[in-house]
Protein backbone atom coordinates (compact mmCIF):
# COMPACT_ATOMS: atom_id res chain seq x y z
CA MET A 1 0.00 0.00 0.00
CA ARG A 2 2.89 2.35 0.80
CA LEU A 3 4.44 1.66 -2.59
CA LEU A 4 1.14 2.50 -4.31
CA ASP A 5 0.89 5.72 -2.28
CA ARG A 6 4.40 6.74 -3.30
CA ARG A 7 3.75 5.95 -6.96
CA LEU A 8 0.48 7.88 -6.82
CA SER A 9 2.23 10.89 -5.29
CA ASP A 10 4.80 10.74 -8.06
CA ALA A 11 2.09 10.65 -10.73
CA LEU A 12 0.32 13.63 -9.16
CA HIS A 13 3.60 15.55 -9.06
CA ARG A 14 4.17 14.78 -12.75
CA ILE A 15 0.64 15.98 -13.56
CA ARG A 16 1.19 19.29 -11.79
CA HIS A 17 4.74 19.90 -12.97
CA GLY A 18 4.99 18.03 -16.27
CA SER A 19 7.16 19.63 -18.91
CA SER A 20 5.05 18.50 -21.87
CA GLU A 21 1.45 17.56 -22.54
CA ASP A 22 2.51 14.02 -23.48
CA LEU A 23 4.21 13.52 -20.11
CA VAL A 24 1.22 14.95 -18.26
CA GLU A 25 -1.15 12.65 -20.16
CA GLN A 26 1.02 9.63 -19.32
CA ALA A 27 0.98 10.69 -15.66
CA ARG A 28 -2.84 10.91 -15.78
CA GLN A 29 -3.02 7.40 -17.18
CA ASP A 30 -0.65 6.20 -14.47
CA GLU A 31 -2.82 7.90 -11.85
CA ARG A 32 -5.97 6.15 -13.12
CA GLN A 33 -4.23 2.77 -13.11
CA LEU A 34 -2.78 3.29 -9.64
CA LEU A 35 -6.15 4.39 -8.23
CA THR A 36 -7.68 1.21 -9.64
CA GLU A 37 -4.98 -0.89 -7.98
CA LEU A 38 -5.40 0.97 -4.68
CA ASP A 39 -9.19 0.49 -4.78
CA ARG A 40 -8.74 -3.24 -5.43
CA LEU A 41 -6.27 -3.55 -2.55
CA MET A 42 -8.50 -1.68 -0.11
CA THR A 43 -11.53 -3.76 -1.13
CA ARG A 44 -9.57 -6.94 -0.42
CA MET A 45 -8.44 -5.55 2.94
CA ARG A 46 -12.05 -4.77 3.92
CA ALA A 47 -13.13 -8.27 2.88
CA ILE A 48 -10.41 -9.84 5.02
CA GLU A 49 -11.36 -7.63 7.98
CA GLY A 50 -14.97 -8.75 7.56
CA GLN A 51 -13.94 -12.39 7.52
CA LEU A 52 -11.82 -11.90 10.63
CA LEU A 53 -14.76 -10.29 12.44
CA GLN A 54 -16.99 -13.24 11.51
CA ILE A 55 -14.37 -15.68 12.81
CA GLN A 56 -14.05 -13.67 16.01
CA LYS A 57 -17.83 -13.67 16.53
CA THR A 58 -17.98 -17.43 15.97
CA ALA A 59 -15.08 -18.05 18.36
CA THR A 60 -16.66 -16.01 21.16
CA ARG A 61 -19.98 -17.90 20.93
CA HIS A 62 -18.45 -21.21 21.97
């Protein structure tokens, strides 16, 4: 997750300070791809947290 955050920060920096329109457009594409990856990772993390809560509830019932 930290690596994705760093790469996203880099893409945002390139968008703001790009020296050519081509480089800025590439940075925008990178940003979209990185946001997709970050969303997928966070969704998986929430699913795992949900599963852990279910396991915890089941364990405390017995």
